[in-house]
PDB file of N, CA and C in Angstrom:
ATOM      1  N   MET A   1       0.796  -1.215  -0.029  1.00  0.00           N
ATOM      2  CA  MET A   1      -0.233  -0.013   0.026  1.00  0.00           C
ATOM      3  C   MET A   1       1.051   1.160  -0.176  1.00  0.00           C
ATOM      4  N   PHE A   2       1.778   1.283   0.970  1.00  0.00           N
ATOM      5  CA  PHE A   2       2.516   2.490   0.872  1.00  0.00           C
ATOM      6  C   PHE A   2       4.104   2.278   0.647  1.00  0.00           C
ATOM      7  N   LYS A   3       4.553   3.032  -0.373  1.00  0.00           N
ATOM      8  CA  LYS A   3       6.006   2.851  -0.651  1.00  0.00           C
ATOM      9  C   LYS A   3       7.173   3.564   0.121  1.00  0.00           C
ATOM     10  N   LYS A   4       8.075   3.004   0.477  1.00  0.00           N
ATOM     11  CA  LYS A   4       9.158   3.538   1.301  1.00  0.00           C
ATOM     12  C   LYS A   4      10.235   3.595   0.521  1.00  0.00           C
ATOM     13  N   HIS A   5      10.887   5.043   0.367  1.00  0.00           N
ATOM     14  CA  HIS A   5      11.873   5.003  -0.646  1.00  0.00           C
ATOM     15  C   HIS A   5      13.251   5.362   0.062  1.00  0.00           C
ATOM     16  N   ARG A   6      14.139   4.350  -0.170  1.00  0.00           N
ATOM     17  CA  ARG A   6      15.109   4.320   0.371  1.00  0.00           C
ATOM     18  C   ARG A   6      16.543   4.293  -0.422  1.00  0.00           C
ATOM     19  N   GLN A   7      17.848   4.642  -0.018  1.00  0.00           N
ATOM     20  CA  GLN A   7      18.593   4.789  -1.233  1.00  0.00           C
ATOM     21  C   GLN A   7      19.491   3.339  -0.913  1.00  0.00           C
ATOM     22  N   LYS A   8      19.778   3.181  -2.411  1.00  0.00           N
ATOM     23  CA  LYS A   8      20.676   2.035  -2.371  1.00  0.00           C
ATOM     24  C   LYS A   8      22.189   2.295  -2.134  1.00  0.00           C
ATOM     25  N   GLN A   9      22.942   1.373  -2.148  1.00  0.00           N
ATOM     26  CA  GLN A   9      24.318   1.625  -1.862  1.00  0.00           C
ATOM     27  C   GLN A   9      25.014   2.489  -3.164  1.00  0.00           C
ATOM     28  N   ASN A  10      24.172   2.305  -4.364  1.00  0.00           N
ATOM     29  CA  ASN A  10      25.254   3.046  -5.462  1.00  0.00           C
ATOM     30  C   ASN A  10      24.531   4.383  -5.599  1.00  0.00           C
ATOM     31  N   GLY A  11      23.398   4.628  -4.707  1.00  0.00           N
ATOM     32  CA  GLY A  11      22.557   6.407  -5.000  1.00  0.00           C
ATOM     33  C   GLY A  11      21.434   6.080  -5.419  1.00  0.00           C
ATOM     34  N   GLU A  12      21.032   4.860  -6.104  1.00  0.00           N
ATOM     35  CA  GLU A  12      19.665   4.780  -6.838  1.00  0.00           C
ATOM     36  C   GLU A  12      18.689   4.451  -5.554  1.00  0.00           C
ATOM     37  N   ALA A  13      17.217   5.048  -5.951  1.00  0.00           N
ATOM     38  CA  ALA A  13      16.350   4.657  -4.926  1.00  0.00           C
ATOM     39  C   ALA A  13      15.538   3.386  -5.238  1.00  0.00           C
ATOM     40  N   ALA A  14      15.745   2.793  -3.806  1.00  0.00           N
ATOM     41  CA  ALA A  14      14.704   1.343  -3.940  1.00  0.00           C
ATOM     42  C   ALA A  14      13.516   1.736  -3.398  1.00  0.00           C
ATOM     43  N   VAL A  15      12.696   0.877  -4.050  1.00  0.00           N
ATOM     44  CA  VAL A  15      11.106   0.594  -3.224  1.00  0.00           C
ATOM     45  C   VAL A  15      10.864  -0.299  -2.423  1.00  0.00           C
ATOM     46  N   ASP A  16      10.514  -0.410  -1.134  1.00  0.00           N
ATOM     47  CA  ASP A  16      10.368  -1.224  -0.198  1.00  0.00           C
ATOM     48  C   ASP A  16       8.720  -1.216  -0.155  1.00  0.00           C
ATOM     49  N   ASN A  17       7.971  -2.384  -0.479  1.00  0.00           N
ATOM     50  CA  ASN A  17       6.395  -2.239  -0.442  1.00  0.00           C
ATOM     51  C   ASN A  17       5.956  -3.044   0.641  1.00  0.00           C
ATOM     52  N   HIS A  18       6.722  -3.224   1.562  1.00  0.00           N
ATOM     53  CA  HIS A  18       6.159  -4.025   2.807  1.00  0.00           C
ATOM     54  C   HIS A  18       4.980  -4.616   2.331  1.00  0.00           C
ATOM     55  N   ASN A  19       4.834  -5.811   1.641  1.00  0.00           N
ATOM     56  CA  ASN A  19       3.685  -6.339   1.041  1.00  0.00           C
ATOM     57  C   ASN A  19       3.855  -7.886   1.866  1.00  0.00           C
ATOM     58  N   ASN A  20       3.033  -8.063   2.828  1.00  0.00           N
ATOM     59  CA  ASN A  20       2.892  -9.112   3.651  1.00  0.00           C
ATOM     60  C   ASN A  20       1.831 -10.197   3.109  1.00  0.00           C
ATOM     61  N   SER A  21       2.013 -10.277   2.108  1.00  0.00           N
ATOM     62  CA  SER A  21       1.349 -11.583   1.199  1.00  0.00           C
ATOM     63  C   SER A  21       1.253 -12.635   2.055  1.00  0.00           C
ATOM     64  N   SER A  22       1.806 -13.117   2.788  1.00  0.00           N
ATOM     65  CA  SER A  22       1.742 -14.129   3.421  1.00  0.00           C
ATOM     66  C   SER A  22       0.880 -14.036   4.745  1.00  0.00           C
ATOM     67  N   LEU A  23       0.400 -12.817   5.035  1.00  0.00           N
ATOM     68  CA  LEU A  23      -0.727 -12.535   6.076  1.00  0.00           C
ATOM     69  C   LEU A  23      -1.952 -12.439   5.561  1.00  0.00           C
ATOM     70  N   ALA A  24      -3.052 -13.637   5.411  1.00  0.00           N
ATOM     71  CA  ALA A  24      -4.432 -13.294   5.031  1.00  0.00           C
ATOM     72  C   ALA A  24      -5.198 -12.462   5.774  1.00  0.00           C
ATOM     73  N   PRO A  25      -6.038 -12.201   5.417  1.00  0.00           N
ATOM     74  CA  PRO A  25      -6.870 -11.336   6.179  1.00  0.00           C
ATOM     75  C   PRO A  25      -7.961 -12.456   7.096  1.00  0.00           C
ATOM     76  N   PRO A  26      -8.261 -12.024   8.091  1.00  0.00           N
ATOM     77  CA  PRO A  26      -9.064 -12.909   8.756  1.00  0.00           C
ATOM     78  C   PRO A  26     -10.363 -13.050   8.447  1.00  0.00           C
ATOM     79  N   PRO A  27     -10.963 -14.395   8.355  1.00  0.00           N
ATOM     80  CA  PRO A  27     -12.319 -14.675   7.673  1.00  0.00           C
ATOM     81  C   PRO A  27     -13.575 -13.983   8.317  1.00  0.00           C
ATOM     82  N   VAL A  28     -14.171 -13.649   7.591  1.00  0.00           N
ATOM     83  CA  VAL A  28     -15.535 -12.779   7.787  1.00  0.00           C
ATOM     84  C   VAL A  28     -16.529 -14.021   7.758  1.00  0.00           C
ATOM     85  N   SER A  29     -17.379 -13.791   9.091  1.00  0.00           N
ATOM     86  CA  SER A  29     -18.491 -14.788   9.113  1.00  0.00           C
ATOM     87  C   SER A  29     -19.654 -14.110   9.061  1.00  0.00           C
ATOM     88  N   PRO A  30     -20.424 -14.788   8.107  1.00  0.00           N
ATOM     89  CA  PRO A  30     -21.548 -13.945   7.967  1.00  0.00           C
ATOM     90  C   PRO A  30     -22.662 -14.027   9.116  1.00  0.00           C
ATOM     91  N   ILE A  31     -23.438 -12.844   8.590  1.00  0.00           N
ATOM     92  CA  ILE A  31     -24.436 -12.849   9.819  1.00  0.00           C
ATOM     93  C   ILE A  31     -25.414 -13.860  10.128  1.00  0.00           C
ATOM     94  N   THR A  32     -25.487 -14.383  11.190  1.00  0.00           N
ATOM     95  CA  THR A  32     -26.701 -15.385  11.269  1.00  0.00           C
ATOM     96  C   THR A  32     -27.902 -14.594  11.952  1.00  0.00           C
ATOM     97  N   LYS A  33     -28.810 -15.552  12.131  1.00  0.00           N
ATOM     98  CA  LYS A  33     -30.047 -15.057  12.454  1.00  0.00           C
ATOM     99  C   LYS A  33     -30.151 -14.793  14.159  1.00  0.00           C
ATOM    100  N   ASN A  34     -29.278 -15.723  14.489  1.00  0.00           N
ATOM    101  CA  ASN A  34     -29.132 -15.388  16.042  1.00  0.00           C
ATOM    102  C   ASN A  34     -28.043 -14.333  16.568  1.00  0.00           C
ATOM    103  N   SER A  35     -27.354 -13.834  15.774  1.00  0.00           N
ATOM    104  CA  SER A  35     -26.513 -13.093  16.010  1.00  0.00           C
ATOM    105  C   SER A  35     -26.643 -11.678  16.712  1.00  0.00           C
ATOM    106  N   LEU A  36     -27.641 -11.326  15.970  1.00  0.00           N
ATOM    107  CA  LEU A  36     -28.245  -9.474  16.462  1.00  0.00           C
ATOM    108  C   LEU A  36     -29.327  -9.651  17.261  1.00  0.00           C
ATOM    109  N   GLN A  37     -29.125  -9.157  18.213  1.00  0.00           N
ATOM    110  CA  GLN A  37     -30.412  -9.018  19.621  1.00  0.00           C
ATOM    111  C   GLN A  37     -30.735  -7.777  19.685  1.00  0.00           C
ATOM    112  N   PHE A  38     -31.788  -7.153  20.042  1.00  0.00           N
ATOM    113  CA  PHE A  38     -32.057  -5.731  20.841  1.00  0.00           C
ATOM    114  C   PHE A  38     -33.208  -5.947  21.656  1.00  0.00           C
ATOM    115  N   HIS A  39     -33.153  -4.956  22.409  1.00  0.00           N
ATOM    116  CA  HIS A  39     -34.113  -4.471  23.667  1.00  0.00           C
ATOM    117  C   HIS A  39     -34.683  -3.474  23.109  1.00  0.00           C
ATOM    118  N   CYS A  40     -36.093  -3.299  22.759  1.00  0.00           N
ATOM    119  CA  CYS A  40     -36.794  -2.392  22.375  1.00  0.00           C
ATOM    120  C   CYS A  40     -37.745  -2.006  23.311  1.00  0.00           C
ATOM    121  N   GLN A  41     -37.865  -0.418  23.064  1.00  0.00           N
ATOM    122  CA  GLN A  41     -39.020   0.299  23.756  1.00  0.00           C
ATOM    123  C   GLN A  41     -39.388   1.565  22.906  1.00  0.00           C
ATOM    124  N   LEU A  42     -40.872   1.672  23.139  1.00  0.00           N
ATOM    125  CA  LEU A  42     -41.312   2.783  22.159  1.00  0.00           C
ATOM    126  C   LEU A  42     -40.991   4.107  22.979  1.00  0.00           C
ATOM    127  N   ALA A  43     -40.910   5.260  22.423  1.00  0.00           N
ATOM    128  CA  ALA A  43     -40.456   6.537  22.897  1.00  0.00           C
ATOM    129  C   ALA A  43     -41.282   6.984  24.012  1.00  0.00           C
ATOM    130  N   HIS A  44     -42.197   6.517  24.238  1.00  0.00           N
ATOM    131  CA  HIS A  44     -43.254   7.033  25.383  1.00  0.00           C
ATOM    132  C   HIS A  44     -43.165   6.120  26.528  1.00  0.00           C
ATOM    133  N   GLY A  45     -42.447   5.237  26.572  1.00  0.00           N
ATOM    134  CA  GLY A  45     -42.180   4.554  27.754  1.00  0.00           C
ATOM    135  C   GLY A  45     -42.738   3.207  28.186  1.00  0.00           C
ATOM    136  N   SER A  46     -42.938   2.516  27.317  1.00  0.00           N
ATOM    137  CA  SER A  46     -43.776   1.500  27.148  1.00  0.00           C
ATOM    138  C   SER A  46     -42.859   0.364  27.784  1.00  0.00           C
ATOM    139  N   PRO A  47     -43.362  -1.066  27.911  1.00  0.00           N
ATOM    140  CA  PRO A  47     -42.334  -2.073  28.139  1.00  0.00           C
ATOM    141  C   PRO A  47     -41.229  -2.529  27.153  1.00  0.00           C
ATOM    142  N   THR A  48     -39.982  -3.018  27.760  1.00  0.00           N
ATOM    143  CA  THR A  48     -39.323  -3.337  26.906  1.00  0.00           C
ATOM    144  C   THR A  48     -39.424  -4.552  26.434  1.00  0.00           C
ATOM    145  N   VAL A  49     -39.178  -5.076  25.053  1.00  0.00           N
ATOM    146  CA  VAL A  49     -39.193  -6.282  24.656  1.00  0.00           C
ATOM    147  C   VAL A  49     -37.657  -6.403  23.786  1.00  0.00           C
ATOM    148  N   PHE A  50     -37.647  -7.727  23.810  1.00  0.00           N
ATOM    149  CA  PHE A  50     -36.287  -8.583  23.306  1.00  0.00           C
ATOM    150  C   PHE A  50     -36.605  -9.118  21.865  1.00  0.00           C
ATOM    151  N   VAL A  51     -36.029  -8.465  20.812  1.00  0.00           N
ATOM    152  CA  VAL A  51     -36.064  -8.706  19.344  1.00  0.00           C
ATOM    153  C   VAL A  51     -34.966  -9.312  19.046  1.00  0.00           C
ATOM    154  N   SER A  52     -35.249 -10.596  18.439  1.00  0.00           N
ATOM    155  CA  SER A  52     -33.885 -11.593  17.618  1.00  0.00           C
ATOM    156  C   SER A  52     -34.417 -12.375  16.472  1.00  0.00           C
ATOM    157  N   ASN A  53     -33.544 -12.889  16.188  1.00  0.00           N
ATOM    158  CA  ASN A  53     -33.904 -13.629  14.954  1.00  0.00           C
ATOM    159  C   ASN A  53     -34.265 -12.942  13.523  1.00  0.00           C
ATOM    160  N   PHE A  54     -33.452 -12.033  13.188  1.00  0.00           N
ATOM    161  CA  PHE A  54     -33.650 -11.339  11.922  1.00  0.00           C
ATOM    162  C   PHE A  54     -32.369 -11.160  11.430  1.00  0.00           C
ATOM    163  N   THR A  55     -32.493 -11.115   9.958  1.00  0.00           N
ATOM    164  CA  THR A  55     -31.286 -10.657   8.970  1.00  0.00           C
ATOM    165  C   THR A  55     -31.305  -9.816   8.491  1.00  0.00           C
ATOM    166  N   SER A  56     -32.198  -8.761   8.492  1.00  0.00           N
ATOM    167  CA  SER A  56     -32.161  -7.471   7.808  1.00  0.00           C
ATOM    168  C   SER A  56     -33.041  -6.586   8.423  1.00  0.00           C
ATOM    169  N   VAL A  57     -33.014  -5.206   8.234  1.00  0.00           N
ATOM    170  CA  VAL A  57     -33.602  -3.972   9.051  1.00  0.00           C
ATOM    171  C   VAL A  57     -34.930  -4.431   8.686  1.00  0.00           C
ATOM    172  N   ARG A  58     -35.627  -4.586   7.340  1.00  0.00           N
ATOM    173  CA  ARG A  58     -36.808  -4.710   7.019  1.00  0.00           C
ATOM    174  C   ARG A  58     -37.411  -5.937   8.067  1.00  0.00           C
ATOM    175  N   GLU A  59     -36.718  -7.199   8.131  1.00  0.00           N
ATOM    176  CA  GLU A  59     -37.017  -8.064   9.388  1.00  0.00           C
ATOM    177  C   GLU A  59     -36.939  -7.488  10.739  1.00  0.00           C
ATOM    178  N   LEU A  60     -35.818  -6.598  10.762  1.00  0.00           N
ATOM    179  CA  LEU A  60     -36.197  -6.056  12.300  1.00  0.00           C
ATOM    180  C   LEU A  60     -37.331  -5.432  12.691  1.00  0.00           C
ATOM    181  N   TYR A  61     -37.602  -4.502  11.480  1.00  0.00           N
ATOM    182  CA  TYR A  61     -38.976  -3.576  11.762  1.00  0.00           C
ATOM    183  C   TYR A  61     -40.143  -4.366  11.675  1.00  0.00           C
ATOM    184  N   GLN A  62     -40.215  -5.372  11.173  1.00  0.00           N
ATOM    185  CA  GLN A  62     -41.183  -6.218  11.040  1.00  0.00           C
ATOM    186  C   GLN A  62     -41.530  -7.031  12.594  1.00  0.00           C
ATOM    187  N   LYS A  63     -40.343  -7.254  13.149  1.00  0.00           N
ATOM    188  CA  LYS A  63     -40.330  -8.236  14.661  1.00  0.00           C
ATOM    189  C   LYS A  63     -40.340  -7.167  15.631  1.00  0.00           C
ATOM    190  N   ILE A  64     -40.068  -5.704  15.521  1.00  0.00           N
ATOM    191  CA  ILE A  64     -40.631  -4.685  16.374  1.00  0.00           C
ATOM    192  C   ILE A  64     -41.955  -4.428  16.470  1.00  0.00           C
ATOM    193  N   ALA A  65     -42.269  -4.319  15.085  1.00  0.00           N
ATOM    194  CA  ALA A  65     -43.934  -4.213  14.952  1.00  0.00           C
ATOM    195  C   ALA A  65     -44.750  -5.296  15.534  1.00  0.00           C
ATOM    196  N   GLU A  66     -44.504  -6.329  15.279  1.00  0.00           N
ATOM    197  CA  GLU A  66     -45.096  -7.535  15.977  1.00  0.00           C
ATOM    198  C   GLU A  66     -45.340  -7.317  17.298  1.00  0.00           C
ATOM    199  N   ALA A  67     -44.016  -7.093  17.863  1.00  0.00           N
ATOM    200  CA  ALA A  67     -44.100  -6.959  19.173  1.00  0.00           C
ATOM    201  C   ALA A  67     -44.704  -6.163  20.138  1.00  0.00           C
ATOM    202  N   PHE A  68     -45.039  -4.949  19.419  1.00  0.00           N
ATOM    203  CA  PHE A  68     -45.968  -4.059  19.741  1.00  0.00           C
ATOM    204  C   PHE A  68     -47.348  -3.762  19.105  1.00  0.00           C
ATOM    205  N   ASP A  69     -47.659  -4.660  18.427  1.00  0.00           N
ATOM    206  CA  ASP A  69     -49.160  -4.675  17.648  1.00  0.00           C
ATOM    207  C   ASP A  69     -49.239  -3.397  17.063  1.00  0.00           C
ATOM    208  N   MET A  70     -48.350  -3.275  16.008  1.00  0.00           N
ATOM    209  CA  MET A  70     -48.677  -2.135  14.936  1.00  0.00           C
ATOM    210  C   MET A  70     -47.949  -2.468  13.703  1.00  0.00           C
ATOM    211  N   SER A  71     -48.218  -1.638  12.861  1.00  0.00           N
ATOM    212  CA  SER A  71     -47.524  -1.692  11.490  1.00  0.00           C
ATOM    213  C   SER A  71     -46.195  -1.781  11.200  1.00  0.00           C
ATOM    214  N   PRO A  72     -45.237  -1.934  10.397  1.00  0.00           N
ATOM    215  CA  PRO A  72     -44.070  -1.921  10.295  1.00  0.00           C
ATOM    216  C   PRO A  72     -43.685  -0.292   9.584  1.00  0.00           C
ATOM    217  N   SER A  73     -44.604   0.088   8.886  1.00  0.00           N
ATOM    218  CA  SER A  73     -44.448   1.504   8.701  1.00  0.00           C
ATOM    219  C   SER A  73     -44.425   2.365   9.957  1.00  0.00           C
ATOM    220  N   GLU A  74     -44.874   2.149  10.883  1.00  0.00           N
ATOM    221  CA  GLU A  74     -45.205   3.162  11.943  1.00  0.00           C
ATOM    222  C   GLU A  74     -43.957   2.805  12.908  1.00  0.00           C
ATOM    223  N   VAL A  75     -42.974   2.057  12.829  1.00  0.00           N
ATOM    224  CA  VAL A  75     -41.617   1.829  13.301  1.00  0.00           C
ATOM    225  C   VAL A  75     -40.856   2.862  13.101  1.00  0.00           C
TER     226      VAL A  75
END
């Protein structure tokens, strides 16, 4: 990524890439339905509900709406 210029013995510039190709990036795990969990409460102080088992924002809104007996468009 960054190139470091240094002088060679004979005065020419050498490029050191610091390329650590032997270091692989850590594996990325996919989001599972059980990995995201929220405690939700309406703005006016309703009871707190626990929402989980969703994989998208749309599903999150649907779960919140179901928990509070309202439509997802109101969330």
